[in-house]
Amino acid sequence: MAEDTEAIVAACRAKHPAPCELVSVQTRVGLFVLRSPTTAEHRQFQSGLRDDNMKSEAFRNLFVAICVYPERAETTAKLDAFGGVLAHAKVQNAVGWLTGQLDELLGKSWPAP
């Protein structure tokens, strides 16, 4: 059954209104809708990045925390079955956009207009 991306994103937008940003990412594993992280989530992520042994776990934890579709249990099940999805360029770019890292690399202000 094909997912209706627009309807799913609209439902997620209703639950997470602006100024929360949403990004949808379609991979071969399925559709993921991510929201911008809270300050606490972002600080925890940044803290995990400082430890070389925790970088991949920090990214996974942030991804699970900010993924609003599918539900958490399904998200973790997909990540367990297809761990490489976190290395997908679309996923990396979406998280980079939502955390402001891509803007900083491009010399732009964040959040983007």
N, C-alpha and C. Protein backbone atom coordinates (compact mmCIF):
# COMPACT_ATOMS: atom_id res chain seq x y z
N MET A 1 0.84 -1.18 0.00
CA MET A 1 0.00 0.00 0.00
C MET A 1 0.88 1.24 0.00
N ALA A 2 0.70 2.10 -0.97
CA ALA A 2 1.48 3.33 -1.08
C ALA A 2 1.03 4.33 -0.02
N GLU A 3 2.00 5.03 0.51
CA GLU A 3 1.70 6.02 1.53
C GLU A 3 1.30 7.34 0.85
N ASP A 4 0.31 8.01 1.37
CA ASP A 4 -0.09 9.32 0.88
C ASP A 4 0.70 10.37 1.64
N THR A 5 1.83 10.73 1.08
CA THR A 5 2.78 11.61 1.77
C THR A 5 2.13 12.93 2.19
N GLU A 6 1.39 13.56 1.30
CA GLU A 6 0.78 14.86 1.62
C GLU A 6 -0.17 14.76 2.81
N ALA A 7 -0.98 13.72 2.85
CA ALA A 7 -1.93 13.54 3.95
C ALA A 7 -1.19 13.26 5.26
N ILE A 8 -0.16 12.46 5.19
CA ILE A 8 0.62 12.14 6.40
C ILE A 8 1.30 13.39 6.94
N VAL A 9 1.92 14.17 6.05
CA VAL A 9 2.59 15.40 6.49
C VAL A 9 1.57 16.39 7.04
N ALA A 10 0.40 16.49 6.42
CA ALA A 10 -0.65 17.39 6.92
C ALA A 10 -1.10 16.98 8.32
N ALA A 11 -1.24 15.69 8.55
CA ALA A 11 -1.63 15.20 9.89
C ALA A 11 -0.53 15.51 10.90
N CYS A 12 0.71 15.35 10.50
CA CYS A 12 1.83 15.67 11.40
C CYS A 12 1.89 17.16 11.67
N ARG A 13 1.62 17.98 10.65
CA ARG A 13 1.63 19.43 10.81
C ARG A 13 0.54 19.86 11.80
N ALA A 14 -0.60 19.19 11.80
CA ALA A 14 -1.67 19.51 12.74
C ALA A 14 -1.24 19.25 14.18
N LYS A 15 -0.43 18.21 14.38
CA LYS A 15 0.06 17.87 15.72
C LYS A 15 1.25 18.72 16.13
N HIS A 16 2.00 19.22 15.16
CA HIS A 16 3.23 19.99 15.41
C HIS A 16 3.20 21.28 14.60
N PRO A 17 2.41 22.27 15.04
CA PRO A 17 2.27 23.51 14.26
C PRO A 17 3.54 24.37 14.30
N ALA A 18 3.59 25.34 13.40
CA ALA A 18 4.70 26.30 13.38
C ALA A 18 4.81 26.93 14.76
N PRO A 19 5.99 27.25 15.20
CA PRO A 19 7.23 27.35 14.45
C PRO A 19 8.01 26.04 14.29
N CYS A 20 7.45 24.94 14.70
CA CYS A 20 8.10 23.65 14.54
C CYS A 20 8.25 23.35 13.04
N GLU A 21 9.45 23.03 12.62
CA GLU A 21 9.67 22.68 11.22
C GLU A 21 9.49 21.18 11.04
N LEU A 22 8.96 20.79 9.89
CA LEU A 22 8.82 19.38 9.54
C LEU A 22 9.51 19.12 8.21
N VAL A 23 10.15 17.96 8.13
CA VAL A 23 10.77 17.52 6.89
C VAL A 23 10.37 16.07 6.68
N SER A 24 9.90 15.76 5.46
CA SER A 24 9.59 14.36 5.16
C SER A 24 10.72 13.78 4.31
N VAL A 25 11.04 12.53 4.59
CA VAL A 25 12.13 11.84 3.90
C VAL A 25 11.61 10.49 3.43
N GLN A 26 11.62 10.28 2.12
CA GLN A 26 11.20 9.00 1.55
C GLN A 26 12.45 8.18 1.24
N THR A 27 12.54 7.00 1.83
CA THR A 27 13.64 6.08 1.56
C THR A 27 13.02 4.76 1.11
N ARG A 28 13.86 3.81 0.72
CA ARG A 28 13.33 2.50 0.32
C ARG A 28 12.72 1.77 1.51
N VAL A 29 13.10 2.17 2.72
CA VAL A 29 12.56 1.58 3.94
C VAL A 29 11.16 2.12 4.23
N GLY A 30 10.89 3.32 3.76
CA GLY A 30 9.59 3.94 4.00
C GLY A 30 9.71 5.43 4.19
N LEU A 31 8.59 6.03 4.52
CA LEU A 31 8.51 7.47 4.75
C LEU A 31 8.78 7.76 6.22
N PHE A 32 9.58 8.80 6.46
CA PHE A 32 9.81 9.32 7.80
C PHE A 32 9.49 10.80 7.78
N VAL A 33 8.79 11.29 8.81
CA VAL A 33 8.54 12.71 8.97
C VAL A 33 9.25 13.13 10.25
N LEU A 34 10.13 14.10 10.13
CA LEU A 34 10.94 14.56 11.25
C LEU A 34 10.56 15.99 11.60
N ARG A 35 10.63 16.31 12.88
CA ARG A 35 10.36 17.67 13.36
C ARG A 35 11.66 18.27 13.87
N SER A 36 11.68 19.57 14.02
CA SER A 36 12.86 20.21 14.58
C SER A 36 13.02 19.80 16.04
N PRO A 37 14.25 19.61 16.49
CA PRO A 37 14.48 19.17 17.87
C PRO A 37 14.26 20.31 18.87
N THR A 38 13.91 19.91 20.08
CA THR A 38 13.83 20.89 21.17
C THR A 38 15.25 21.25 21.59
N THR A 39 15.38 22.27 22.38
CA THR A 39 16.70 22.67 22.87
C THR A 39 17.35 21.54 23.65
N ALA A 40 16.60 20.88 24.51
CA ALA A 40 17.15 19.78 25.31
C ALA A 40 17.60 18.62 24.42
N GLU A 41 16.80 18.28 23.41
CA GLU A 41 17.18 17.20 22.49
C GLU A 41 18.44 17.56 21.72
N HIS A 42 18.53 18.81 21.29
CA HIS A 42 19.71 19.24 20.53
C HIS A 42 20.96 19.25 21.42
N ARG A 43 20.82 19.69 22.65
CA ARG A 43 21.97 19.68 23.57
C ARG A 43 22.45 18.26 23.84
N GLN A 44 21.52 17.34 24.03
CA GLN A 44 21.89 15.95 24.26
C GLN A 44 22.60 15.38 23.03
N PHE A 45 22.11 15.71 21.84
CA PHE A 45 22.73 15.29 20.60
C PHE A 45 24.15 15.83 20.49
N GLN A 46 24.32 17.12 20.73
CA GLN A 46 25.65 17.74 20.66
C GLN A 46 26.61 17.14 21.67
N SER A 47 26.11 16.83 22.86
CA SER A 47 26.92 16.19 23.88
C SER A 47 27.40 14.82 23.41
N GLY A 48 26.52 14.06 22.78
CA GLY A 48 26.87 12.74 22.27
C GLY A 48 27.89 12.81 21.15
N LEU A 49 27.85 13.89 20.35
CA LEU A 49 28.80 14.04 19.25
C LEU A 49 30.22 14.28 19.73
N ARG A 50 30.36 14.79 20.94
CA ARG A 50 31.70 15.05 21.48
C ARG A 50 32.44 13.77 21.84
N ASP A 51 31.71 12.69 22.03
CA ASP A 51 32.30 11.39 22.37
C ASP A 51 32.35 10.54 21.10
N ASP A 52 33.56 10.26 20.61
CA ASP A 52 33.71 9.50 19.36
C ASP A 52 33.00 8.15 19.41
N ASN A 53 32.93 7.55 20.59
CA ASN A 53 32.29 6.24 20.72
C ASN A 53 30.77 6.33 20.72
N MET A 54 30.22 7.53 20.85
CA MET A 54 28.77 7.70 20.96
C MET A 54 28.14 8.41 19.76
N LYS A 55 28.94 8.79 18.76
CA LYS A 55 28.40 9.59 17.65
C LYS A 55 27.23 8.92 16.94
N SER A 56 27.40 7.66 16.59
CA SER A 56 26.31 7.00 15.86
C SER A 56 25.09 6.81 16.75
N GLU A 57 25.32 6.52 18.02
CA GLU A 57 24.20 6.35 18.96
C GLU A 57 23.49 7.69 19.19
N ALA A 58 24.26 8.77 19.23
CA ALA A 58 23.67 10.10 19.41
C ALA A 58 22.77 10.44 18.23
N PHE A 59 23.22 10.11 17.02
CA PHE A 59 22.42 10.38 15.83
C PHE A 59 21.15 9.54 15.84
N ARG A 60 21.27 8.28 16.17
CA ARG A 60 20.10 7.39 16.23
C ARG A 60 19.10 7.90 17.27
N ASN A 61 19.59 8.26 18.46
CA ASN A 61 18.71 8.75 19.53
C ASN A 61 17.98 10.01 19.10
N LEU A 62 18.69 10.93 18.44
CA LEU A 62 18.04 12.15 17.97
C LEU A 62 17.00 11.82 16.91
N PHE A 63 17.35 10.95 15.98
CA PHE A 63 16.42 10.58 14.92
C PHE A 63 15.13 10.02 15.51
N VAL A 64 15.25 9.10 16.45
CA VAL A 64 14.07 8.50 17.07
C VAL A 64 13.26 9.57 17.82
N ALA A 65 13.95 10.48 18.48
CA ALA A 65 13.26 11.52 19.26
C ALA A 65 12.48 12.49 18.37
N ILE A 66 13.02 12.83 17.20
CA ILE A 66 12.37 13.84 16.35
C ILE A 66 11.49 13.25 15.26
N CYS A 67 11.46 11.94 15.15
CA CYS A 67 10.63 11.30 14.14
C CYS A 67 9.18 11.27 14.63
N VAL A 68 8.30 11.96 13.92
CA VAL A 68 6.88 12.01 14.31
C VAL A 68 6.03 11.05 13.49
N TYR A 69 6.60 10.51 12.41
CA TYR A 69 5.95 9.48 11.62
C TYR A 69 7.01 8.59 11.03
N PRO A 70 6.92 7.29 11.18
CA PRO A 70 5.88 6.53 11.87
C PRO A 70 6.04 6.63 13.39
N GLU A 71 5.17 5.97 14.12
CA GLU A 71 5.24 5.97 15.58
C GLU A 71 6.59 5.42 16.03
N ARG A 72 6.97 5.74 17.26
CA ARG A 72 8.29 5.38 17.79
C ARG A 72 8.61 3.89 17.67
N ALA A 73 7.67 3.03 18.02
CA ALA A 73 7.93 1.58 17.97
C ALA A 73 8.25 1.13 16.55
N GLU A 74 7.49 1.64 15.58
CA GLU A 74 7.73 1.27 14.19
C GLU A 74 9.05 1.86 13.69
N THR A 75 9.35 3.07 14.11
CA THR A 75 10.62 3.71 13.72
C THR A 75 11.79 2.89 14.22
N THR A 76 11.78 2.53 15.50
CA THR A 76 12.91 1.75 16.04
C THR A 76 12.99 0.37 15.39
N ALA A 77 11.84 -0.23 15.08
CA ALA A 77 11.84 -1.53 14.40
C ALA A 77 12.47 -1.40 13.02
N LYS A 78 12.14 -0.34 12.30
CA LYS A 78 12.74 -0.13 10.98
C LYS A 78 14.24 0.12 11.08
N LEU A 79 14.65 0.88 12.09
CA LEU A 79 16.08 1.14 12.27
C LEU A 79 16.83 -0.13 12.65
N ASP A 80 16.20 -0.98 13.46
CA ASP A 80 16.82 -2.25 13.83
C ASP A 80 16.97 -3.17 12.63
N ALA A 81 15.97 -3.17 11.76
CA ALA A 81 15.99 -4.04 10.58
C ALA A 81 16.86 -3.48 9.46
N PHE A 82 16.90 -2.15 9.34
CA PHE A 82 17.63 -1.49 8.26
C PHE A 82 18.50 -0.38 8.84
N GLY A 83 19.51 -0.76 9.59
CA GLY A 83 20.37 0.22 10.28
C GLY A 83 21.04 1.21 9.36
N GLY A 84 21.27 0.83 8.12
CA GLY A 84 21.94 1.71 7.18
C GLY A 84 21.12 2.90 6.74
N VAL A 85 19.82 2.90 7.05
CA VAL A 85 18.98 4.02 6.63
C VAL A 85 19.47 5.34 7.23
N LEU A 86 20.09 5.29 8.39
CA LEU A 86 20.59 6.52 9.02
C LEU A 86 21.78 7.11 8.26
N ALA A 87 22.45 6.30 7.45
CA ALA A 87 23.57 6.78 6.66
C ALA A 87 23.12 7.34 5.31
N HIS A 88 21.84 7.21 5.00
CA HIS A 88 21.30 7.68 3.73
C HIS A 88 21.46 9.20 3.66
N ALA A 89 21.89 9.69 2.50
CA ALA A 89 22.13 11.13 2.34
C ALA A 89 20.88 11.96 2.62
N LYS A 90 19.70 11.47 2.22
CA LYS A 90 18.46 12.22 2.47
C LYS A 90 18.21 12.38 3.97
N VAL A 91 18.47 11.31 4.71
CA VAL A 91 18.25 11.34 6.16
C VAL A 91 19.27 12.29 6.81
N GLN A 92 20.52 12.17 6.42
CA GLN A 92 21.57 13.05 6.97
C GLN A 92 21.26 14.52 6.68
N ASN A 93 20.83 14.80 5.45
CA ASN A 93 20.51 16.19 5.08
C ASN A 93 19.30 16.72 5.84
N ALA A 94 18.30 15.89 6.03
CA ALA A 94 17.10 16.32 6.77
C ALA A 94 17.46 16.66 8.22
N VAL A 95 18.22 15.81 8.86
CA VAL A 95 18.62 16.08 10.25
C VAL A 95 19.54 17.30 10.30
N GLY A 96 20.44 17.41 9.35
CA GLY A 96 21.32 18.58 9.29
C GLY A 96 20.55 19.87 9.12
N TRP A 97 19.49 19.84 8.30
CA TRP A 97 18.64 21.01 8.11
C TRP A 97 17.92 21.38 9.41
N LEU A 98 17.32 20.38 10.04
CA LEU A 98 16.52 20.63 11.24
C LEU A 98 17.35 21.06 12.44
N THR A 99 18.61 20.64 12.49
CA THR A 99 19.48 21.04 13.60
C THR A 99 20.26 22.31 13.30
N GLY A 100 20.13 22.82 12.07
CA GLY A 100 20.82 24.05 11.70
C GLY A 100 22.25 23.84 11.24
N GLN A 101 22.72 22.61 11.22
CA GLN A 101 24.11 22.35 10.84
C GLN A 101 24.38 22.68 9.38
N LEU A 102 23.45 22.38 8.49
CA LEU A 102 23.67 22.68 7.07
C LEU A 102 23.72 24.18 6.83
N ASP A 103 22.86 24.93 7.51
CA ASP A 103 22.88 26.38 7.36
C ASP A 103 24.21 26.96 7.81
N GLU A 104 24.73 26.47 8.92
CA GLU A 104 26.00 26.97 9.42
C GLU A 104 27.14 26.68 8.44
N LEU A 105 27.11 25.49 7.84
CA LEU A 105 28.13 25.15 6.86
C LEU A 105 28.06 26.05 5.63
N LEU A 106 26.84 26.46 5.28
CA LEU A 106 26.65 27.33 4.12
C LEU A 106 26.74 28.81 4.46
N GLY A 107 26.96 29.12 5.75
CA GLY A 107 27.08 30.51 6.17
C GLY A 107 25.76 31.24 6.23
N LYS A 108 24.66 30.50 6.37
CA LYS A 108 23.34 31.13 6.44
C LYS A 108 22.87 31.22 7.89
N SER A 109 21.93 32.11 8.12
CA SER A 109 21.37 32.22 9.46
C SER A 109 20.36 31.12 9.68
N TRP A 110 20.12 30.77 10.91
CA TRP A 110 19.18 29.70 11.25
C TRP A 110 18.25 30.21 12.33
N PRO A 111 17.00 29.92 12.33
CA PRO A 111 16.31 29.07 11.36
C PRO A 111 16.15 29.79 10.03
N ALA A 112 16.03 29.02 8.98
CA ALA A 112 15.89 29.57 7.65
C ALA A 112 14.53 30.24 7.52
N PRO A 113 14.45 31.26 6.70
CA PRO A 113 13.15 31.95 6.52
C PRO A 113 12.11 31.06 5.88
